[in-house]
PDB file of N, CA and C in Angstrom:
ATOM      1  N   MET A   1      13.433  -0.939  -2.208  1.00  0.00           N
ATOM      2  CA  MET A   1      13.029  -0.940  -0.834  1.00  0.00           C
ATOM      3  C   MET A   1      14.056  -0.264   0.054  1.00  0.00           C
ATOM      4  N   ALA A   2      15.102   0.232  -0.535  1.00  0.00           N
ATOM      5  CA  ALA A   2      16.161   0.848   0.253  1.00  0.00           C
ATOM      6  C   ALA A   2      15.701   2.133   0.920  1.00  0.00           C
ATOM      7  N   LEU A   3      14.644   2.759   0.416  1.00  0.00           N
ATOM      8  CA  LEU A   3      14.209   4.038   0.968  1.00  0.00           C
ATOM      9  C   LEU A   3      13.353   3.901   2.218  1.00  0.00           C
ATOM     10  N   LEU A   4      12.987   2.711   2.606  1.00  0.00           N
ATOM     11  CA  LEU A   4      12.145   2.544   3.784  1.00  0.00           C
ATOM     12  C   LEU A   4      12.856   2.947   5.065  1.00  0.00           C
ATOM     13  N   HIS A   5      14.168   2.985   5.062  1.00  0.00           N
ATOM     14  CA  HIS A   5      14.882   3.362   6.273  1.00  0.00           C
ATOM     15  C   HIS A   5      15.116   4.870   6.372  1.00  0.00           C
ATOM     16  N   ASN A   6      14.595   5.665   5.451  1.00  0.00           N
ATOM     17  CA  ASN A   6      14.788   7.115   5.462  1.00  0.00           C
ATOM     18  C   ASN A   6      13.491   7.888   5.651  1.00  0.00           C
ATOM     19  N   VAL A   7      12.480   7.304   6.238  1.00  0.00           N
ATOM     20  CA  VAL A   7      11.172   7.943   6.361  1.00  0.00           C
ATOM     21  C   VAL A   7      11.036   8.564   7.750  1.00  0.00           C
ATOM     22  N   THR A   8      10.742   9.866   7.780  1.00  0.00           N
ATOM     23  CA  THR A   8      10.521  10.539   9.057  1.00  0.00           C
ATOM     24  C   THR A   8       9.046  10.447   9.437  1.00  0.00           C
ATOM     25  N   GLY A   9       8.772  10.736  10.681  1.00  0.00           N
ATOM     26  CA  GLY A   9       7.390  10.716  11.150  1.00  0.00           C
ATOM     27  C   GLY A   9       6.522  11.720  10.420  1.00  0.00           C
ATOM     28  N   ASN A  10       7.075  12.914  10.160  1.00  0.00           N
ATOM     29  CA  ASN A  10       6.304  13.948   9.460  1.00  0.00           C
ATOM     30  C   ASN A  10       5.925  13.520   8.045  1.00  0.00           C
ATOM     31  N   SER A  11       6.856  12.888   7.329  1.00  0.00           N
ATOM     32  CA  SER A  11       6.529  12.466   5.961  1.00  0.00           C
ATOM     33  C   SER A  11       5.484  11.350   5.969  1.00  0.00           C
ATOM     34  N   LEU A  12       5.536  10.481   6.961  1.00  0.00           N
ATOM     35  CA  LEU A  12       4.522   9.426   7.083  1.00  0.00           C
ATOM     36  C   LEU A  12       3.156  10.027   7.408  1.00  0.00           C
ATOM     37  N   ILE A  13       3.135  11.034   8.272  1.00  0.00           N
ATOM     38  CA  ILE A  13       1.880  11.707   8.629  1.00  0.00           C
ATOM     39  C   ILE A  13       1.283  12.414   7.415  1.00  0.00           C
ATOM     40  N   ARG A  14       2.113  13.119   6.646  1.00  0.00           N
ATOM     41  CA  ARG A  14       1.624  13.791   5.429  1.00  0.00           C
ATOM     42  C   ARG A  14       1.062  12.774   4.436  1.00  0.00           C
ATOM     43  N   PHE A  15       1.734  11.631   4.309  1.00  0.00           N
ATOM     44  CA  PHE A  15       1.263  10.583   3.405  1.00  0.00           C
ATOM     45  C   PHE A  15      -0.101  10.060   3.843  1.00  0.00           C
ATOM     46  N   MET A  16      -0.256   9.818   5.131  1.00  0.00           N
ATOM     47  CA  MET A  16      -1.536   9.309   5.634  1.00  0.00           C
ATOM     48  C   MET A  16      -2.651  10.331   5.440  1.00  0.00           C
ATOM     49  N   GLN A  17      -2.344  11.606   5.635  1.00  0.00           N
ATOM     50  CA  GLN A  17      -3.354  12.642   5.425  1.00  0.00           C
ATOM     51  C   GLN A  17      -3.751  12.722   3.956  1.00  0.00           C
ATOM     52  N   SER A  18      -2.804  12.472   3.055  1.00  0.00           N
ATOM     53  CA  SER A  18      -3.139  12.485   1.627  1.00  0.00           C
ATOM     54  C   SER A  18      -4.050  11.311   1.253  1.00  0.00           C
ATOM     55  N   LEU A  19      -4.031  10.252   2.064  1.00  0.00           N
ATOM     56  CA  LEU A  19      -4.914   9.101   1.829  1.00  0.00           C
ATOM     57  C   LEU A  19      -6.295   9.291   2.440  1.00  0.00           C
ATOM     58  N   GLY A  20      -6.481  10.373   3.182  1.00  0.00           N
ATOM     59  CA  GLY A  20      -7.787  10.634   3.774  1.00  0.00           C
ATOM     60  C   GLY A  20      -7.870  10.367   5.260  1.00  0.00           C
ATOM     61  N   TYR A  21      -6.770   9.980   5.872  1.00  0.00           N
ATOM     62  CA  TYR A  21      -6.769   9.773   7.321  1.00  0.00           C
ATOM     63  C   TYR A  21      -6.788  11.127   8.019  1.00  0.00           C
ATOM     64  N   VAL A  22      -7.532  11.211   9.109  1.00  0.00           N
ATOM     65  CA  VAL A  22      -7.685  12.456   9.861  1.00  0.00           C
ATOM     66  C   VAL A  22      -7.121  12.243  11.259  1.00  0.00           C
ATOM     67  N   CYS A  23      -6.310  13.203  11.714  1.00  0.00           N
ATOM     68  CA  CYS A  23      -5.746  13.123  13.061  1.00  0.00           C
ATOM     69  C   CYS A  23      -6.836  13.488  14.064  1.00  0.00           C
ATOM     70  N   GLU A  24      -7.300  12.493  14.799  1.00  0.00           N
ATOM     71  CA  GLU A  24      -8.356  12.703  15.788  1.00  0.00           C
ATOM     72  C   GLU A  24      -7.810  13.341  17.054  1.00  0.00           C
ATOM     73  N   ARG A  25      -6.632  12.881  17.483  1.00  0.00           N
ATOM     74  CA  ARG A  25      -6.047  13.407  18.713  1.00  0.00           C
ATOM     75  C   ARG A  25      -4.581  13.032  18.766  1.00  0.00           C
ATOM     76  N   GLN A  26      -3.903  13.583  19.770  1.00  0.00           N
ATOM     77  CA  GLN A  26      -2.501  13.264  19.980  1.00  0.00           C
ATOM     78  C   GLN A  26      -2.312  12.881  21.435  1.00  0.00           C
ATOM     79  N   ASN A  27      -1.551  11.823  21.656  1.00  0.00           N
ATOM     80  CA  ASN A  27      -1.263  11.365  23.003  1.00  0.00           C
ATOM     81  C   ASN A  27       0.254  11.299  23.146  1.00  0.00           C
ATOM     82  N   GLY A  28       0.853  12.315  23.740  1.00  0.00           N
ATOM     83  CA  GLY A  28       2.307  12.378  23.849  1.00  0.00           C
ATOM     84  C   GLY A  28       2.923  12.578  22.483  1.00  0.00           C
ATOM     85  N   SER A  29       3.817  11.677  22.105  1.00  0.00           N
ATOM     86  CA  SER A  29       4.482  11.799  20.809  1.00  0.00           C
ATOM     87  C   SER A  29       3.846  10.899  19.754  1.00  0.00           C
ATOM     88  N   HIS A  30       2.589  10.549  19.940  1.00  0.00           N
ATOM     89  CA  HIS A  30       1.882   9.707  18.979  1.00  0.00           C
ATOM     90  C   HIS A  30       0.581  10.373  18.552  1.00  0.00           C
ATOM     91  N   LYS A  31       0.319  10.326  17.245  1.00  0.00           N
ATOM     92  CA  LYS A  31      -0.936  10.848  16.707  1.00  0.00           C
ATOM     93  C   LYS A  31      -1.839   9.674  16.366  1.00  0.00           C
ATOM     94  N   ILE A  32      -3.108   9.838  16.678  1.00  0.00           N
ATOM     95  CA  ILE A  32      -4.090   8.795  16.414  1.00  0.00           C
ATOM     96  C   ILE A  32      -4.938   9.240  15.229  1.00  0.00           C
ATOM     97  N   PHE A  33      -4.887   8.457  14.142  1.00  0.00           N
ATOM     98  CA  PHE A  33      -5.599   8.768  12.911  1.00  0.00           C
ATOM     99  C   PHE A  33      -6.774   7.826  12.744  1.00  0.00           C
ATOM    100  N   THR A  34      -7.840   8.340  12.122  1.00  0.00           N
ATOM    101  CA  THR A  34      -8.990   7.506  11.778  1.00  0.00           C
ATOM    102  C   THR A  34      -9.431   7.814  10.350  1.00  0.00           C
ATOM    103  N   THR A  35     -10.243   6.905   9.797  1.00  0.00           N
ATOM    104  CA  THR A  35     -10.828   7.106   8.473  1.00  0.00           C
ATOM    105  C   THR A  35     -12.339   7.166   8.611  1.00  0.00           C
ATOM    106  N   GLN A  36     -13.011   7.306   7.482  1.00  0.00           N
ATOM    107  CA  GLN A  36     -14.471   7.303   7.476  1.00  0.00           C
ATOM    108  C   GLN A  36     -15.010   5.984   8.022  1.00  0.00           C
ATOM    109  N   ALA A  37     -14.286   4.899   7.791  1.00  0.00           N
ATOM    110  CA  ALA A  37     -14.712   3.583   8.264  1.00  0.00           C
ATOM    111  C   ALA A  37     -14.370   3.373   9.738  1.00  0.00           C
ATOM    112  N   ARG A  38     -13.857   4.408  10.387  1.00  0.00           N
ATOM    113  CA  ARG A  38     -13.504   4.406  11.814  1.00  0.00           C
ATOM    114  C   ARG A  38     -12.353   3.458  12.141  1.00  0.00           C
ATOM    115  N   LYS A  39     -11.512   3.175  11.170  1.00  0.00           N
ATOM    116  CA  LYS A  39     -10.317   2.385  11.424  1.00  0.00           C
ATOM    117  C   LYS A  39      -9.282   3.298  12.075  1.00  0.00           C
ATOM    118  N   THR A  40      -8.640   2.833  13.144  1.00  0.00           N
ATOM    119  CA  THR A  40      -7.705   3.654  13.903  1.00  0.00           C
ATOM    120  C   THR A  40      -6.276   3.173  13.678  1.00  0.00           C
ATOM    121  N   ILE A  41      -5.376   4.125  13.400  1.00  0.00           N
ATOM    122  CA  ILE A  41      -3.956   3.848  13.218  1.00  0.00           C
ATOM    123  C   ILE A  41      -3.180   4.819  14.105  1.00  0.00           C
ATOM    124  N   VAL A  42      -2.219   4.309  14.865  1.00  0.00           N
ATOM    125  CA  VAL A  42      -1.376   5.143  15.723  1.00  0.00           C
ATOM    126  C   VAL A  42      -0.030   5.324  15.034  1.00  0.00           C
ATOM    127  N   VAL A  43       0.407   6.597  14.910  1.00  0.00           N
ATOM    128  CA  VAL A  43       1.646   6.925  14.213  1.00  0.00           C
ATOM    129  C   VAL A  43       2.516   7.779  15.127  1.00  0.00           C
ATOM    130  N   PRO A  44       3.824   7.479  15.216  1.00  0.00           N
ATOM    131  CA  PRO A  44       4.701   8.333  16.007  1.00  0.00           C
ATOM    132  C   PRO A  44       4.849   9.692  15.335  1.00  0.00           C
ATOM    133  N   ALA A  45       4.776  10.751  16.123  1.00  0.00           N
ATOM    134  CA  ALA A  45       4.831  12.114  15.585  1.00  0.00           C
ATOM    135  C   ALA A  45       6.252  12.659  15.683  1.00  0.00           C
ATOM    136  N   TYR A  46       7.205  11.955  15.077  1.00  0.00           N
ATOM    137  CA  TYR A  46       8.594  12.398  15.072  1.00  0.00           C
ATOM    138  C   TYR A  46       8.763  13.468  14.008  1.00  0.00           C
ATOM    139  N   LYS A  47       9.349  14.603  14.377  1.00  0.00           N
ATOM    140  CA  LYS A  47       9.562  15.647  13.378  1.00  0.00           C
ATOM    141  C   LYS A  47      10.724  15.291  12.462  1.00  0.00           C
ATOM    142  N   LYS A  48      11.870  14.999  13.035  1.00  0.00           N
ATOM    143  CA  LYS A  48      13.043  14.702  12.219  1.00  0.00           C
ATOM    144  C   LYS A  48      13.567  13.294  12.441  1.00  0.00           C
ATOM    145  N   LYS A  49      13.046  12.606  13.425  1.00  0.00           N
ATOM    146  CA  LYS A  49      13.515  11.264  13.743  1.00  0.00           C
ATOM    147  C   LYS A  49      12.976  10.263  12.723  1.00  0.00           C
ATOM    148  N   ILE A  50      13.804   9.301  12.380  1.00  0.00           N
ATOM    149  CA  ILE A  50      13.449   8.279  11.402  1.00  0.00           C
ATOM    150  C   ILE A  50      12.569   7.210  12.059  1.00  0.00           C
ATOM    151  N   VAL A  51      11.499   6.824  11.375  1.00  0.00           N
ATOM    152  CA  VAL A  51      10.627   5.746  11.842  1.00  0.00           C
ATOM    153  C   VAL A  51      11.315   4.424  11.502  1.00  0.00           C
ATOM    154  N   LYS A  52      11.421   3.548  12.489  1.00  0.00           N
ATOM    155  CA  LYS A  52      12.099   2.273  12.257  1.00  0.00           C
ATOM    156  C   LYS A  52      11.333   1.436  11.238  1.00  0.00           C
ATOM    157  N   THR A  53      12.083   0.629  10.510  1.00  0.00           N
ATOM    158  CA  THR A  53      11.536  -0.124   9.387  1.00  0.00           C
ATOM    159  C   THR A  53      10.407  -1.065   9.796  1.00  0.00           C
ATOM    160  N   GLY A  54      10.562  -1.767  10.905  1.00  0.00           N
ATOM    161  CA  GLY A  54       9.525  -2.702  11.345  1.00  0.00           C
ATOM    162  C   GLY A  54       8.223  -2.006  11.667  1.00  0.00           C
ATOM    163  N   LEU A  55       8.312  -0.866  12.351  1.00  0.00           N
ATOM    164  CA  LEU A  55       7.120  -0.084  12.680  1.00  0.00           C
ATOM    165  C   LEU A  55       6.467   0.454  11.416  1.00  0.00           C
ATOM    166  N   LEU A  56       7.282   0.952  10.491  1.00  0.00           N
ATOM    167  CA  LEU A  56       6.763   1.475   9.227  1.00  0.00           C
ATOM    168  C   LEU A  56       6.048   0.380   8.437  1.00  0.00           C
ATOM    169  N   CYS A  57       6.641  -0.799   8.375  1.00  0.00           N
ATOM    170  CA  CYS A  57       6.007  -1.912   7.652  1.00  0.00           C
ATOM    171  C   CYS A  57       4.682  -2.305   8.301  1.00  0.00           C
ATOM    172  N   GLY A  58       4.626  -2.260   9.626  1.00  0.00           N
ATOM    173  CA  GLY A  58       3.380  -2.569  10.324  1.00  0.00           C
ATOM    174  C   GLY A  58       2.289  -1.555  10.035  1.00  0.00           C
ATOM    175  N   ILE A  59       2.661  -0.277  10.004  1.00  0.00           N
ATOM    176  CA  ILE A  59       1.691   0.780   9.697  1.00  0.00           C
ATOM    177  C   ILE A  59       1.199   0.638   8.258  1.00  0.00           C
ATOM    178  N   LEU A  60       2.120   0.370   7.332  1.00  0.00           N
ATOM    179  CA  LEU A  60       1.726   0.191   5.930  1.00  0.00           C
ATOM    180  C   LEU A  60       0.784  -1.004   5.775  1.00  0.00           C
ATOM    181  N   LYS A  61       1.032  -2.062   6.520  1.00  0.00           N
ATOM    182  CA  LYS A  61       0.154  -3.235   6.473  1.00  0.00           C
ATOM    183  C   LYS A  61      -1.234  -2.887   6.997  1.00  0.00           C
ATOM    184  N   ASP A  62      -1.289  -2.109   8.090  1.00  0.00           N
ATOM    185  CA  ASP A  62      -2.580  -1.694   8.643  1.00  0.00           C
ATOM    186  C   ASP A  62      -3.347  -0.809   7.668  1.00  0.00           C
ATOM    187  N   ILE A  63      -2.627   0.044   6.946  1.00  0.00           N
ATOM    188  CA  ILE A  63      -3.253   0.943   5.972  1.00  0.00           C
ATOM    189  C   ILE A  63      -3.715   0.164   4.736  1.00  0.00           C
ATOM    190  N   GLY A  64      -2.985  -0.895   4.399  1.00  0.00           N
ATOM    191  CA  GLY A  64      -3.312  -1.678   3.211  1.00  0.00           C
ATOM    192  C   GLY A  64      -2.550  -1.219   1.988  1.00  0.00           C
ATOM    193  N   ILE A  65      -1.376  -0.634   2.202  1.00  0.00           N
ATOM    194  CA  ILE A  65      -0.528  -0.138   1.117  1.00  0.00           C
ATOM    195  C   ILE A  65       0.727  -1.005   1.059  1.00  0.00           C
ATOM    196  N   SER A  66       1.145  -1.389  -0.141  1.00  0.00           N
ATOM    197  CA  SER A  66       2.376  -2.168  -0.261  1.00  0.00           C
ATOM    198  C   SER A  66       3.584  -1.247  -0.114  1.00  0.00           C
ATOM    199  N   LYS A  67       4.727  -1.843   0.161  1.00  0.00           N
ATOM    200  CA  LYS A  67       5.961  -1.070   0.321  1.00  0.00           C
ATOM    201  C   LYS A  67       6.320  -0.344  -0.968  1.00  0.00           C
ATOM    202  N   ILE A  68       6.123  -1.007  -2.088  1.00  0.00           N
ATOM    203  CA  ILE A  68       6.464  -0.409  -3.383  1.00  0.00           C
ATOM    204  C   ILE A  68       5.559   0.781  -3.681  1.00  0.00           C
ATOM    205  N   GLU A  69       4.257   0.649  -3.412  1.00  0.00           N
ATOM    206  CA  GLU A  69       3.331   1.774  -3.614  1.00  0.00           C
ATOM    207  C   GLU A  69       3.721   2.960  -2.732  1.00  0.00           C
ATOM    208  N   PHE A  70       4.117   2.678  -1.506  1.00  0.00           N
ATOM    209  CA  PHE A  70       4.525   3.734  -0.583  1.00  0.00           C
ATOM    210  C   PHE A  70       5.774   4.449  -1.095  1.00  0.00           C
ATOM    211  N   ILE A  71       6.759   3.691  -1.555  1.00  0.00           N
ATOM    212  CA  ILE A  71       7.997   4.293  -2.068  1.00  0.00           C
ATOM    213  C   ILE A  71       7.698   5.173  -3.269  1.00  0.00           C
ATOM    214  N   HIS A  72       6.856   4.705  -4.185  1.00  0.00           N
ATOM    215  CA  HIS A  72       6.505   5.508  -5.363  1.00  0.00           C
ATOM    216  C   HIS A  72       5.772   6.788  -4.957  1.00  0.00           C
ATOM    217  N   ALA A  73       4.894   6.696  -3.973  1.00  0.00           N
ATOM    218  CA  ALA A  73       4.147   7.874  -3.521  1.00  0.00           C
ATOM    219  C   ALA A  73       5.070   8.885  -2.853  1.00  0.00           C
ATOM    220  N   ILE A  74       6.006   8.420  -2.044  1.00  0.00           N
ATOM    221  CA  ILE A  74       6.945   9.320  -1.364  1.00  0.00           C
ATOM    222  C   ILE A  74       7.877   9.977  -2.373  1.00  0.00           C
ATOM    223  N   GLN A  75       8.349   9.233  -3.368  1.00  0.00           N
ATOM    224  CA  GLN A  75       9.261   9.780  -4.369  1.00  0.00           C
ATOM    225  C   GLN A  75       8.579  10.810  -5.255  1.00  0.00           C
ATOM    226  N   SER A  76       7.285  10.672  -5.473  1.00  0.00           N
ATOM    227  CA  SER A  76       6.581  11.608  -6.357  1.00  0.00           C
ATOM    228  C   SER A  76       6.317  12.954  -5.692  1.00  0.00           C
ATOM    229  N   HIS A  77       6.476  13.040  -4.371  1.00  0.00           N
ATOM    230  CA  HIS A  77       6.245  14.316  -3.672  1.00  0.00           C
ATOM    231  C   HIS A  77       7.468  15.116  -3.649  1.00  0.00           C
TER     232      HIS A  77
END
């Protein structure tokens, strides 16, 4: 779980797009993603800035992905 503190906004956005989430719109520095089921997730659009661990864990919970699955997916890219 040590890698959760090294995730940038761009890598989180790429991960969500690989899961099928589509960026519907952007509001300032946040991108709003939806799925076919119309579930909405808001993600900070930081290019190089690190996403804080609490926010990342909340987004992963909303997506329904465990921390371990996320780490394995990020490492495989």
